[in-house]
Amino acid sequence: MACLVLGGITVLPLMGIVGWLVYYQAFVRLLINDWLAPAADISPSLIVVDLSTTVLWGSVVLGLLLWVYYLAWVLRTNRLSRWAKAGWSLALCLAGLITMPVLWWRHFWRGC
């Protein structure tokens, strides 16, 4: 059960950042419309930026914590060869958000 929770948490940073990017595109359009509108017609879209940055920074912090966990697991486990450890470490350093779900699927899913 714990490995399923870890798998769900592993996908959250990737989903949060992708969702934030999709939301951010619409937010930029709203912000540009507010800048071009007369002062009396400005909508409260600036308040929404606090929620969007909270989601973004929460995804970044969670992603960094998970990255540290997976990197420590790769370096400390006895289930991987030296070359596999080097490969997973390099993959985590170059594309961590994409590599973490793959690493979970390959090595943690079997223990569930």
PDB file of N, CA and C in Angstrom:
ATOM      1  N   MET A   1       0.821  -1.195   0.000  1.00  0.00           N
ATOM      2  CA  MET A   1       0.000   0.000   0.000  1.00  0.00           C
ATOM      3  C   MET A   1       0.868   1.263   0.000  1.00  0.00           C
ATOM      4  N   ALA A   2       1.971   1.209   0.751  1.00  0.00           N
ATOM      5  CA  ALA A   2       2.851   2.376   0.825  1.00  0.00           C
ATOM      6  C   ALA A   2       3.488   2.676  -0.531  1.00  0.00           C
ATOM      7  N   CYS A   3       3.767   1.624  -1.305  1.00  0.00           N
ATOM      8  CA  CYS A   3       4.378   1.871  -2.611  1.00  0.00           C
ATOM      9  C   CYS A   3       3.377   2.495  -3.586  1.00  0.00           C
ATOM     10  N   LEU A   4       2.089   2.204  -3.427  1.00  0.00           N
ATOM     11  CA  LEU A   4       1.079   2.847  -4.264  1.00  0.00           C
ATOM     12  C   LEU A   4       0.951   4.330  -3.930  1.00  0.00           C
ATOM     13  N   VAL A   5       1.060   4.657  -2.649  1.00  0.00           N
ATOM     14  CA  VAL A   5       1.023   6.056  -2.235  1.00  0.00           C
ATOM     15  C   VAL A   5       2.243   6.783  -2.786  1.00  0.00           C
ATOM     16  N   LEU A   6       3.410   6.140  -2.711  1.00  0.00           N
ATOM     17  CA  LEU A   6       4.631   6.733  -3.263  1.00  0.00           C
ATOM     18  C   LEU A   6       4.495   6.961  -4.764  1.00  0.00           C
ATOM     19  N   GLY A   7       3.877   6.033  -5.459  1.00  0.00           N
ATOM     20  CA  GLY A   7       3.658   6.202  -6.895  1.00  0.00           C
ATOM     21  C   GLY A   7       2.731   7.362  -7.201  1.00  0.00           C
ATOM     22  N   GLY A   8       1.672   7.510  -6.415  1.00  0.00           N
ATOM     23  CA  GLY A   8       0.766   8.628  -6.603  1.00  0.00           C
ATOM     24  C   GLY A   8       1.437   9.960  -6.320  1.00  0.00           C
ATOM     25  N   ILE A   9       2.245   9.999  -5.279  1.00  0.00           N
ATOM     26  CA  ILE A   9       2.959  11.226  -4.930  1.00  0.00           C
ATOM     27  C   ILE A   9       4.024  11.535  -5.971  1.00  0.00           C
ATOM     28  N   THR A  10       4.598  10.520  -6.574  1.00  0.00           N
ATOM     29  CA  THR A  10       5.639  10.721  -7.577  1.00  0.00           C
ATOM     30  C   THR A  10       5.105  11.437  -8.812  1.00  0.00           C
ATOM     31  N   VAL A  11       3.857  11.203  -9.163  1.00  0.00           N
ATOM     32  CA  VAL A  11       3.273  11.812 -10.351  1.00  0.00           C
ATOM     33  C   VAL A  11       2.801  13.253 -10.083  1.00  0.00           C
ATOM     34  N   LEU A  12       2.549  13.598  -8.823  1.00  0.00           N
ATOM     35  CA  LEU A  12       2.001  14.913  -8.494  1.00  0.00           C
ATOM     36  C   LEU A  12       2.843  16.093  -8.962  1.00  0.00           C
ATOM     37  N   PRO A  13       4.167  16.121  -8.750  1.00  0.00           N
ATOM     38  CA  PRO A  13       4.931  17.291  -9.219  1.00  0.00           C
ATOM     39  C   PRO A  13       4.847  17.482 -10.725  1.00  0.00           C
ATOM     40  N   LEU A  14       4.902  16.406 -11.474  1.00  0.00           N
ATOM     41  CA  LEU A  14       4.806  16.513 -12.930  1.00  0.00           C
ATOM     42  C   LEU A  14       3.439  17.047 -13.340  1.00  0.00           C
ATOM     43  N   MET A  15       2.386  16.538 -12.727  1.00  0.00           N
ATOM     44  CA  MET A  15       1.038  17.020 -13.036  1.00  0.00           C
ATOM     45  C   MET A  15       0.859  18.469 -12.596  1.00  0.00           C
ATOM     46  N   GLY A  16       1.428  18.837 -11.449  1.00  0.00           N
ATOM     47  CA  GLY A  16       1.294  20.198 -10.957  1.00  0.00           C
ATOM     48  C   GLY A  16       1.974  21.210 -11.854  1.00  0.00           C
ATOM     49  N   ILE A  17       3.160  20.888 -12.320  1.00  0.00           N
ATOM     50  CA  ILE A  17       3.884  21.833 -13.175  1.00  0.00           C
ATOM     51  C   ILE A  17       3.235  21.915 -14.552  1.00  0.00           C
ATOM     52  N   VAL A  18       2.799  20.796 -15.098  1.00  0.00           N
ATOM     53  CA  VAL A  18       2.106  20.829 -16.392  1.00  0.00           C
ATOM     54  C   VAL A  18       0.789  21.594 -16.257  1.00  0.00           C
ATOM     55  N   GLY A  19       0.056  21.346 -15.187  1.00  0.00           N
ATOM     56  CA  GLY A  19      -1.187  22.073 -14.960  1.00  0.00           C
ATOM     57  C   GLY A  19      -0.956  23.557 -14.774  1.00  0.00           C
ATOM     58  N   TRP A  20       0.116  23.905 -14.083  1.00  0.00           N
ATOM     59  CA  TRP A  20       0.435  25.317 -13.886  1.00  0.00           C
ATOM     60  C   TRP A  20       0.776  25.992 -15.209  1.00  0.00           C
ATOM     61  N   LEU A  21       1.508  25.297 -16.067  1.00  0.00           N
ATOM     62  CA  LEU A  21       1.837  25.871 -17.370  1.00  0.00           C
ATOM     63  C   LEU A  21       0.593  26.099 -18.218  1.00  0.00           C
ATOM     64  N   VAL A  22      -0.344  25.161 -18.174  1.00  0.00           N
ATOM     65  CA  VAL A  22      -1.595  25.328 -18.915  1.00  0.00           C
ATOM     66  C   VAL A  22      -2.387  26.499 -18.338  1.00  0.00           C
ATOM     67  N   TYR A  23      -2.450  26.592 -17.024  1.00  0.00           N
ATOM     68  CA  TYR A  23      -3.164  27.686 -16.371  1.00  0.00           C
ATOM     69  C   TYR A  23      -2.464  29.016 -16.624  1.00  0.00           C
ATOM     70  N   TYR A  24      -1.147  29.020 -16.584  1.00  0.00           N
ATOM     71  CA  TYR A  24      -0.376  30.252 -16.709  1.00  0.00           C
ATOM     72  C   TYR A  24      -0.611  30.919 -18.062  1.00  0.00           C
ATOM     73  N   GLN A  25      -0.780  30.123 -19.093  1.00  0.00           N
ATOM     74  CA  GLN A  25      -1.039  30.689 -20.417  1.00  0.00           C
ATOM     75  C   GLN A  25      -2.338  31.498 -20.401  1.00  0.00           C
ATOM     76  N   ALA A  26      -3.382  30.977 -19.789  1.00  0.00           N
ATOM     77  CA  ALA A  26      -4.645  31.710 -19.694  1.00  0.00           C
ATOM     78  C   ALA A  26      -4.501  32.920 -18.774  1.00  0.00           C
ATOM     79  N   PHE A  27      -3.723  32.783 -17.715  1.00  0.00           N
ATOM     80  CA  PHE A  27      -3.526  33.898 -16.789  1.00  0.00           C
ATOM     81  C   PHE A  27      -2.799  35.056 -17.461  1.00  0.00           C
ATOM     82  N   VAL A  28      -1.827  34.768 -18.289  1.00  0.00           N
ATOM     83  CA  VAL A  28      -1.102  35.830 -18.992  1.00  0.00           C
ATOM     84  C   VAL A  28      -2.046  36.584 -19.923  1.00  0.00           C
ATOM     85  N   ARG A  29      -2.936  35.863 -20.589  1.00  0.00           N
ATOM     86  CA  ARG A  29      -3.912  36.542 -21.444  1.00  0.00           C
ATOM     87  C   ARG A  29      -4.824  37.464 -20.637  1.00  0.00           C
ATOM     88  N   LEU A  30      -5.276  36.998 -19.474  1.00  0.00           N
ATOM     89  CA  LEU A  30      -6.107  37.846 -18.615  1.00  0.00           C
ATOM     90  C   LEU A  30      -5.343  39.076 -18.137  1.00  0.00           C
ATOM     91  N   LEU A  31      -4.084  38.886 -17.784  1.00  0.00           N
ATOM     92  CA  LEU A  31      -3.266  39.989 -17.297  1.00  0.00           C
ATOM     93  C   LEU A  31      -3.047  41.031 -18.394  1.00  0.00           C
ATOM     94  N   ILE A  32      -2.811  40.602 -19.608  1.00  0.00           N
ATOM     95  CA  ILE A  32      -2.628  41.531 -20.727  1.00  0.00           C
ATOM     96  C   ILE A  32      -3.924  42.293 -20.988  1.00  0.00           C
ATOM     97  N   ASN A  33      -5.050  41.595 -20.920  1.00  0.00           N
ATOM     98  CA  ASN A  33      -6.336  42.276 -21.101  1.00  0.00           C
ATOM     99  C   ASN A  33      -6.566  43.318 -20.009  1.00  0.00           C
ATOM    100  N   ASP A  34      -6.142  43.009 -18.761  1.00  0.00           N
ATOM    101  CA  ASP A  34      -6.281  43.982 -17.676  1.00  0.00           C
ATOM    102  C   ASP A  34      -5.397  45.203 -17.904  1.00  0.00           C
ATOM    103  N   TRP A  35      -4.205  45.001 -18.422  1.00  0.00           N
ATOM    104  CA  TRP A  35      -3.305  46.133 -18.660  1.00  0.00           C
ATOM    105  C   TRP A  35      -3.846  47.042 -19.764  1.00  0.00           C
ATOM    106  N   LEU A  36      -4.531  46.452 -20.719  1.00  0.00           N
ATOM    107  CA  LEU A  36      -5.056  47.238 -21.828  1.00  0.00           C
ATOM    108  C   LEU A  36      -6.423  47.855 -21.525  1.00  0.00           C
ATOM    109  N   ALA A  37      -7.085  47.409 -20.453  1.00  0.00           N
ATOM    110  CA  ALA A  37      -8.410  47.923 -20.106  1.00  0.00           C
ATOM    111  C   ALA A  37      -8.291  49.245 -19.352  1.00  0.00           C
ATOM    112  N   PRO A  38      -9.343  50.042 -19.358  1.00  0.00           N
ATOM    113  CA  PRO A  38      -9.350  51.257 -18.535  1.00  0.00           C
ATOM    114  C   PRO A  38      -9.254  50.894 -17.054  1.00  0.00           C
ATOM    115  N   ALA A  39      -8.813  51.830 -16.242  1.00  0.00           N
ATOM    116  CA  ALA A  39      -8.570  51.574 -14.821  1.00  0.00           C
ATOM    117  C   ALA A  39      -9.826  51.111 -14.090  1.00  0.00           C
ATOM    118  N   ALA A  40     -10.999  51.555 -14.484  1.00  0.00           N
ATOM    119  CA  ALA A  40     -12.236  51.174 -13.803  1.00  0.00           C
ATOM    120  C   ALA A  40     -12.675  49.753 -14.140  1.00  0.00           C
ATOM    121  N   ASP A  41     -12.146  49.173 -15.208  1.00  0.00           N
ATOM    122  CA  ASP A  41     -12.578  47.845 -15.647  1.00  0.00           C
ATOM    123  C   ASP A  41     -11.619  46.722 -15.256  1.00  0.00           C
ATOM    124  N   ILE A  42     -10.671  46.978 -14.375  1.00  0.00           N
ATOM    125  CA  ILE A  42      -9.675  45.959 -14.030  1.00  0.00           C
ATOM    126  C   ILE A  42     -10.323  44.881 -13.169  1.00  0.00           C
ATOM    127  N   SER A  43     -10.140  43.629 -13.568  1.00  0.00           N
ATOM    128  CA  SER A  43     -10.691  42.495 -12.817  1.00  0.00           C
ATOM    129  C   SER A  43      -9.696  42.064 -11.746  1.00  0.00           C
ATOM    130  N   PRO A  44     -10.152  41.327 -10.763  1.00  0.00           N
ATOM    131  CA  PRO A  44      -9.243  40.904  -9.682  1.00  0.00           C
ATOM    132  C   PRO A  44      -8.420  39.673 -10.047  1.00  0.00           C
ATOM    133  N   SER A  45      -7.930  39.590 -11.269  1.00  0.00           N
ATOM    134  CA  SER A  45      -7.167  38.406 -11.674  1.00  0.00           C
ATOM    135  C   SER A  45      -5.788  38.375 -11.029  1.00  0.00           C
ATOM    136  N   LEU A  46      -5.327  39.484 -10.484  1.00  0.00           N
ATOM    137  CA  LEU A  46      -4.024  39.481  -9.826  1.00  0.00           C
ATOM    138  C   LEU A  46      -4.047  38.669  -8.542  1.00  0.00           C
ATOM    139  N   ILE A  47      -5.222  38.498  -7.945  1.00  0.00           N
ATOM    140  CA  ILE A  47      -5.333  37.696  -6.726  1.00  0.00           C
ATOM    141  C   ILE A  47      -5.081  36.227  -7.046  1.00  0.00           C
ATOM    142  N   VAL A  48      -5.426  35.788  -8.227  1.00  0.00           N
ATOM    143  CA  VAL A  48      -5.309  34.384  -8.620  1.00  0.00           C
ATOM    144  C   VAL A  48      -3.845  33.959  -8.704  1.00  0.00           C
ATOM    145  N   VAL A  49      -2.938  34.884  -8.928  1.00  0.00           N
ATOM    146  CA  VAL A  49      -1.529  34.523  -9.058  1.00  0.00           C
ATOM    147  C   VAL A  49      -0.993  33.898  -7.779  1.00  0.00           C
ATOM    148  N   ASP A  50      -1.535  34.252  -6.624  1.00  0.00           N
ATOM    149  CA  ASP A  50      -1.078  33.647  -5.376  1.00  0.00           C
ATOM    150  C   ASP A  50      -1.375  32.156  -5.349  1.00  0.00           C
ATOM    151  N   LEU A  51      -2.561  31.761  -5.800  1.00  0.00           N
ATOM    152  CA  LEU A  51      -2.906  30.346  -5.854  1.00  0.00           C
ATOM    153  C   LEU A  51      -2.054  29.612  -6.871  1.00  0.00           C
ATOM    154  N   SER A  52      -1.829  30.213  -8.034  1.00  0.00           N
ATOM    155  CA  SER A  52      -1.055  29.523  -9.067  1.00  0.00           C
ATOM    156  C   SER A  52       0.405  29.377  -8.654  1.00  0.00           C
ATOM    157  N   THR A  53       0.976  30.375  -8.008  1.00  0.00           N
ATOM    158  CA  THR A  53       2.373  30.236  -7.583  1.00  0.00           C
ATOM    159  C   THR A  53       2.488  29.270  -6.415  1.00  0.00           C
ATOM    160  N   THR A  54       1.453  29.161  -5.585  1.00  0.00           N
ATOM    161  CA  THR A  54       1.478  28.177  -4.505  1.00  0.00           C
ATOM    162  C   THR A  54       1.510  26.764  -5.079  1.00  0.00           C
ATOM    163  N   VAL A  55       0.701  26.511  -6.097  1.00  0.00           N
ATOM    164  CA  VAL A  55       0.704  25.198  -6.741  1.00  0.00           C
ATOM    165  C   VAL A  55       2.059  24.931  -7.386  1.00  0.00           C
ATOM    166  N   LEU A  56       2.609  25.933  -8.058  1.00  0.00           N
ATOM    167  CA  LEU A  56       3.910  25.757  -8.710  1.00  0.00           C
ATOM    168  C   LEU A  56       5.002  25.470  -7.697  1.00  0.00           C
ATOM    169  N   TRP A  57       5.108  26.286  -6.657  1.00  0.00           N
ATOM    170  CA  TRP A  57       6.186  26.071  -5.684  1.00  0.00           C
ATOM    171  C   TRP A  57       5.972  24.812  -4.868  1.00  0.00           C
ATOM    172  N   GLY A  58       4.728  24.449  -4.612  1.00  0.00           N
ATOM    173  CA  GLY A  58       4.471  23.175  -3.946  1.00  0.00           C
ATOM    174  C   GLY A  58       4.928  22.006  -4.802  1.00  0.00           C
ATOM    175  N   SER A  59       4.703  22.096  -6.108  1.00  0.00           N
ATOM    176  CA  SER A  59       5.157  21.047  -7.023  1.00  0.00           C
ATOM    177  C   SER A  59       6.676  21.001  -7.085  1.00  0.00           C
ATOM    178  N   VAL A  60       7.307  22.160  -7.069  1.00  0.00           N
ATOM    179  CA  VAL A  60       8.767  22.207  -7.134  1.00  0.00           C
ATOM    180  C   VAL A  60       9.383  21.619  -5.866  1.00  0.00           C
ATOM    181  N   VAL A  61       8.868  22.006  -4.700  1.00  0.00           N
ATOM    182  CA  VAL A  61       9.411  21.492  -3.436  1.00  0.00           C
ATOM    183  C   VAL A  61       9.172  19.993  -3.322  1.00  0.00           C
ATOM    184  N   LEU A  62       7.965  19.542  -3.649  1.00  0.00           N
ATOM    185  CA  LEU A  62       7.681  18.105  -3.605  1.00  0.00           C
ATOM    186  C   LEU A  62       8.558  17.353  -4.597  1.00  0.00           C
ATOM    187  N   GLY A  63       8.746  17.903  -5.782  1.00  0.00           N
ATOM    188  CA  GLY A  63       9.619  17.270  -6.770  1.00  0.00           C
ATOM    189  C   GLY A  63      11.058  17.169  -6.302  1.00  0.00           C
ATOM    190  N   LEU A  64      11.556  18.218  -5.655  1.00  0.00           N
ATOM    191  CA  LEU A  64      12.929  18.177  -5.138  1.00  0.00           C
ATOM    192  C   LEU A  64      13.077  17.149  -4.018  1.00  0.00           C
ATOM    193  N   LEU A  65      12.099  17.086  -3.127  1.00  0.00           N
ATOM    194  CA  LEU A  65      12.159  16.091  -2.053  1.00  0.00           C
ATOM    195  C   LEU A  65      12.112  14.671  -2.607  1.00  0.00           C
ATOM    196  N   LEU A  66      11.248  14.443  -3.570  1.00  0.00           N
ATOM    197  CA  LEU A  66      11.186  13.118  -4.195  1.00  0.00           C
ATOM    198  C   LEU A  66      12.462  12.804  -4.957  1.00  0.00           C
ATOM    199  N   TRP A  67      13.040  13.813  -5.621  1.00  0.00           N
ATOM    200  CA  TRP A  67      14.291  13.617  -6.348  1.00  0.00           C
ATOM    201  C   TRP A  67      15.397  13.182  -5.391  1.00  0.00           C
ATOM    202  N   VAL A  68      15.490  13.837  -4.238  1.00  0.00           N
ATOM    203  CA  VAL A  68      16.499  13.458  -3.237  1.00  0.00           C
ATOM    204  C   VAL A  68      16.249  12.030  -2.753  1.00  0.00           C
ATOM    205  N   TYR A  69      14.996  11.683  -2.498  1.00  0.00           N
ATOM    206  CA  TYR A  69      14.663  10.334  -2.042  1.00  0.00           C
ATOM    207  C   TYR A  69      15.067   9.284  -3.078  1.00  0.00           C
ATOM    208  N   TYR A  70      14.670   9.495  -4.336  1.00  0.00           N
ATOM    209  CA  TYR A  70      14.987   8.509  -5.373  1.00  0.00           C
ATOM    210  C   TYR A  70      16.489   8.435  -5.643  1.00  0.00           C
ATOM    211  N   LEU A  71      17.168   9.571  -5.630  1.00  0.00           N
ATOM    212  CA  LEU A  71      18.616   9.542  -5.839  1.00  0.00           C
ATOM    213  C   LEU A  71      19.316   8.800  -4.707  1.00  0.00           C
ATOM    214  N   ALA A  72      18.894   9.044  -3.472  1.00  0.00           N
ATOM    215  CA  ALA A  72      19.472   8.313  -2.337  1.00  0.00           C
ATOM    216  C   ALA A  72      19.170   6.823  -2.446  1.00  0.00           C
ATOM    217  N   TRP A  73      17.955   6.470  -2.877  1.00  0.00           N
ATOM    218  CA  TRP A  73      17.621   5.059  -3.027  1.00  0.00           C
ATOM    219  C   TRP A  73      18.489   4.396  -4.090  1.00  0.00           C
ATOM    220  N   VAL A  74      18.674   5.082  -5.213  1.00  0.00           N
ATOM    221  CA  VAL A  74      19.492   4.529  -6.297  1.00  0.00           C
ATOM    222  C   VAL A  74      20.922   4.312  -5.820  1.00  0.00           C
ATOM    223  N   LEU A  75      21.477   5.254  -5.104  1.00  0.00           N
ATOM    224  CA  LEU A  75      22.864   5.145  -4.681  1.00  0.00           C
ATOM    225  C   LEU A  75      23.065   4.146  -3.556  1.00  0.00           C
ATOM    226  N   ARG A  76      22.034   3.873  -2.763  1.00  0.00           N
ATOM    227  CA  ARG A  76      22.195   2.993  -1.604  1.00  0.00           C
ATOM    228  C   ARG A  76      21.687   1.571  -1.807  1.00  0.00           C
ATOM    229  N   THR A  77      20.924   1.315  -2.849  1.00  0.00           N
ATOM    230  CA  THR A  77      20.327  -0.009  -3.003  1.00  0.00           C
ATOM    231  C   THR A  77      21.360  -1.027  -3.485  1.00  0.00           C
ATOM    232  N   ASN A  78      21.107  -2.271  -3.135  1.00  0.00           N
ATOM    233  CA  ASN A  78      21.949  -3.377  -3.598  1.00  0.00           C
ATOM    234  C   ASN A  78      21.316  -4.099  -4.782  1.00  0.00           C
ATOM    235  N   ARG A  79      20.117  -3.677  -5.184  1.00  0.00           N
ATOM    236  CA  ARG A  79      19.401  -4.340  -6.279  1.00  0.00           C
ATOM    237  C   ARG A  79      19.885  -3.912  -7.652  1.00  0.00           C
ATOM    238  N   LEU A  80      20.681  -2.845  -7.733  1.00  0.00           N
ATOM    239  CA  LEU A  80      21.161  -2.337  -9.013  1.00  0.00           C
ATOM    240  C   LEU A  80      22.665  -2.538  -9.135  1.00  0.00           C
ATOM    241  N   SER A  81      23.111  -2.780 -10.362  1.00  0.00           N
ATOM    242  CA  SER A  81      24.547  -2.872 -10.605  1.00  0.00           C
ATOM    243  C   SER A  81      25.156  -1.470 -10.596  1.00  0.00           C
ATOM    244  N   ARG A  82      26.467  -1.407 -10.645  1.00  0.00           N
ATOM    245  CA  ARG A  82      27.154  -0.118 -10.650  1.00  0.00           C
ATOM    246  C   ARG A  82      26.767   0.700 -11.876  1.00  0.00           C
ATOM    247  N   TRP A  83      26.653   0.045 -13.031  1.00  0.00           N
ATOM    248  CA  TRP A  83      26.287   0.750 -14.261  1.00  0.00           C
ATOM    249  C   TRP A  83      24.829   1.213 -14.222  1.00  0.00           C
ATOM    250  N   ALA A  84      23.962   0.400 -13.658  1.00  0.00           N
ATOM    251  CA  ALA A  84      22.556   0.795 -13.532  1.00  0.00           C
ATOM    252  C   ALA A  84      22.424   1.984 -12.586  1.00  0.00           C
ATOM    253  N   LYS A  85      23.201   1.970 -11.506  1.00  0.00           N
ATOM    254  CA  LYS A  85      23.184   3.114 -10.591  1.00  0.00           C
ATOM    255  C   LYS A  85      23.646   4.382 -11.292  1.00  0.00           C
ATOM    256  N   ALA A  86      24.694   4.270 -12.085  1.00  0.00           N
ATOM    257  CA  ALA A  86      25.185   5.439 -12.825  1.00  0.00           C
ATOM    258  C   ALA A  86      24.147   5.923 -13.830  1.00  0.00           C
ATOM    259  N   GLY A  87      23.502   4.996 -14.519  1.00  0.00           N
ATOM    260  CA  GLY A  87      22.486   5.370 -15.506  1.00  0.00           C
ATOM    261  C   GLY A  87      21.275   6.026 -14.873  1.00  0.00           C
ATOM    262  N   TRP A  88      20.766   5.431 -13.783  1.00  0.00           N
ATOM    263  CA  TRP A  88      19.604   6.020 -13.110  1.00  0.00           C
ATOM    264  C   TRP A  88      19.956   7.365 -12.489  1.00  0.00           C
ATOM    265  N   SER A  89      21.151   7.487 -11.931  1.00  0.00           N
ATOM    266  CA  SER A  89      21.574   8.771 -11.356  1.00  0.00           C
ATOM    267  C   SER A  89      21.657   9.839 -12.429  1.00  0.00           C
ATOM    268  N   LEU A  90      22.229   9.497 -13.571  1.00  0.00           N
ATOM    269  CA  LEU A  90      22.314  10.454 -14.673  1.00  0.00           C
ATOM    270  C   LEU A  90      20.925  10.822 -15.179  1.00  0.00           C
ATOM    271  N   ALA A  91      20.052   9.844 -15.305  1.00  0.00           N
ATOM    272  CA  ALA A  91      18.693  10.122 -15.770  1.00  0.00           C
ATOM    273  C   ALA A  91      17.947  11.002 -14.772  1.00  0.00           C
ATOM    274  N   LEU A  92      18.132  10.755 -13.477  1.00  0.00           N
ATOM    275  CA  LEU A  92      17.490  11.593 -12.466  1.00  0.00           C
ATOM    276  C   LEU A  92      18.012  13.023 -12.509  1.00  0.00           C
ATOM    277  N   CYS A  93      19.290  13.181 -12.770  1.00  0.00           N
ATOM    278  CA  CYS A  93      19.860  14.532 -12.817  1.00  0.00           C
ATOM    279  C   CYS A  93      19.458  15.283 -14.080  1.00  0.00           C
ATOM    280  N   LEU A  94      19.272  14.593 -15.178  1.00  0.00           N
ATOM    281  CA  LEU A  94      18.949  15.262 -16.433  1.00  0.00           C
ATOM    282  C   LEU A  94      17.453  15.465 -16.640  1.00  0.00           C
ATOM    283  N   ALA A  95      16.643  14.509 -16.230  1.00  0.00           N
ATOM    284  CA  ALA A  95      15.193  14.591 -16.468  1.00  0.00           C
ATOM    285  C   ALA A  95      14.454  13.982 -15.284  1.00  0.00           C
ATOM    286  N   GLY A  96      14.618  14.580 -14.127  1.00  0.00           N
ATOM    287  CA  GLY A  96      14.096  14.010 -12.889  1.00  0.00           C
ATOM    288  C   GLY A  96      12.600  13.805 -12.859  1.00  0.00           C
ATOM    289  N   LEU A  97      11.826  14.780 -13.314  1.00  0.00           N
ATOM    290  CA  LEU A  97      10.375  14.658 -13.230  1.00  0.00           C
ATOM    291  C   LEU A  97       9.830  13.543 -14.109  1.00  0.00           C
ATOM    292  N   ILE A  98      10.510  13.269 -15.190  1.00  0.00           N
ATOM    293  CA  ILE A  98      10.075  12.191 -16.081  1.00  0.00           C
ATOM    294  C   ILE A  98      10.659  10.857 -15.623  1.00  0.00           C
ATOM    295  N   THR A  99      11.864  10.885 -15.094  1.00  0.00           N
ATOM    296  CA  THR A  99      12.545   9.661 -14.676  1.00  0.00           C
ATOM    297  C   THR A  99      11.943   9.063 -13.412  1.00  0.00           C
ATOM    298  N   MET A 100      11.496   9.911 -12.492  1.00  0.00           N
ATOM    299  CA  MET A 100      10.992   9.387 -11.217  1.00  0.00           C
ATOM    300  C   MET A 100       9.809   8.435 -11.383  1.00  0.00           C
ATOM    301  N   PRO A 101       8.783   8.765 -12.185  1.00  0.00           N
ATOM    302  CA  PRO A 101       7.707   7.760 -12.369  1.00  0.00           C
ATOM    303  C   PRO A 101       8.187   6.483 -13.058  1.00  0.00           C
ATOM    304  N   VAL A 102       9.139   6.607 -13.969  1.00  0.00           N
ATOM    305  CA  VAL A 102       9.671   5.418 -14.643  1.00  0.00           C
ATOM    306  C   VAL A 102      10.438   4.553 -13.650  1.00  0.00           C
ATOM    307  N   LEU A 103      11.250   5.178 -12.802  1.00  0.00           N
ATOM    308  CA  LEU A 103      11.995   4.446 -11.777  1.00  0.00           C
ATOM    309  C   LEU A 103      11.033   3.760 -10.814  1.00  0.00           C
ATOM    310  N   TRP A 104       9.976   4.460 -10.411  1.00  0.00           N
ATOM    311  CA  TRP A 104       8.990   3.851  -9.524  1.00  0.00           C
ATOM    312  C   TRP A 104       8.338   2.647 -10.204  1.00  0.00           C
ATOM    313  N   TRP A 105       7.978   2.802 -11.474  1.00  0.00           N
ATOM    314  CA  TRP A 105       7.321   1.715 -12.203  1.00  0.00           C
ATOM    315  C   TRP A 105       8.245   0.505 -12.341  1.00  0.00           C
ATOM    316  N   ARG A 106       9.514   0.768 -12.629  1.00  0.00           N
ATOM    317  CA  ARG A 106      10.448  -0.342 -12.858  1.00  0.00           C
ATOM    318  C   ARG A 106      10.857  -1.070 -11.577  1.00  0.00           C
ATOM    319  N   HIS A 107      10.984  -0.338 -10.453  1.00  0.00           N
ATOM    320  CA  HIS A 107      11.580  -0.960  -9.276  1.00  0.00           C
ATOM    321  C   HIS A 107      10.694  -0.984  -8.027  1.00  0.00           C
ATOM    322  N   PHE A 108       9.735  -0.125  -7.916  1.00  0.00           N
ATOM    323  CA  PHE A 108       8.900  -0.094  -6.714  1.00  0.00           C
ATOM    324  C   PHE A 108       7.553  -0.779  -6.925  1.00  0.00           C
ATOM    325  N   TRP A 109       7.039  -0.754  -8.150  1.00  0.00           N
ATOM    326  CA  TRP A 109       5.729  -1.320  -8.447  1.00  0.00           C
ATOM    327  C   TRP A 109       5.700  -2.811  -8.171  1.00  0.00           C
ATOM    328  N   ARG A 110       6.793  -3.479  -8.381  1.00  0.00           N
ATOM    329  CA  ARG A 110       6.848  -4.936  -8.187  1.00  0.00           C
ATOM    330  C   ARG A 110       6.665  -5.310  -6.723  1.00  0.00           C
ATOM    331  N   GLY A 111       7.014  -4.408  -5.802  1.00  0.00           N
ATOM    332  CA  GLY A 111       6.892  -4.713  -4.377  1.00  0.00           C
ATOM    333  C   GLY A 111       5.489  -4.527  -3.815  1.00  0.00           C
ATOM    334  N   CYS A 112       4.594  -3.999  -4.629  1.00  0.00           N
ATOM    335  CA  CYS A 112       3.226  -3.740  -4.118  1.00  0.00           C
ATOM    336  C   CYS A 112       2.410  -5.004  -4.038  1.00  0.00           C
TER     337      CYS A 112
END
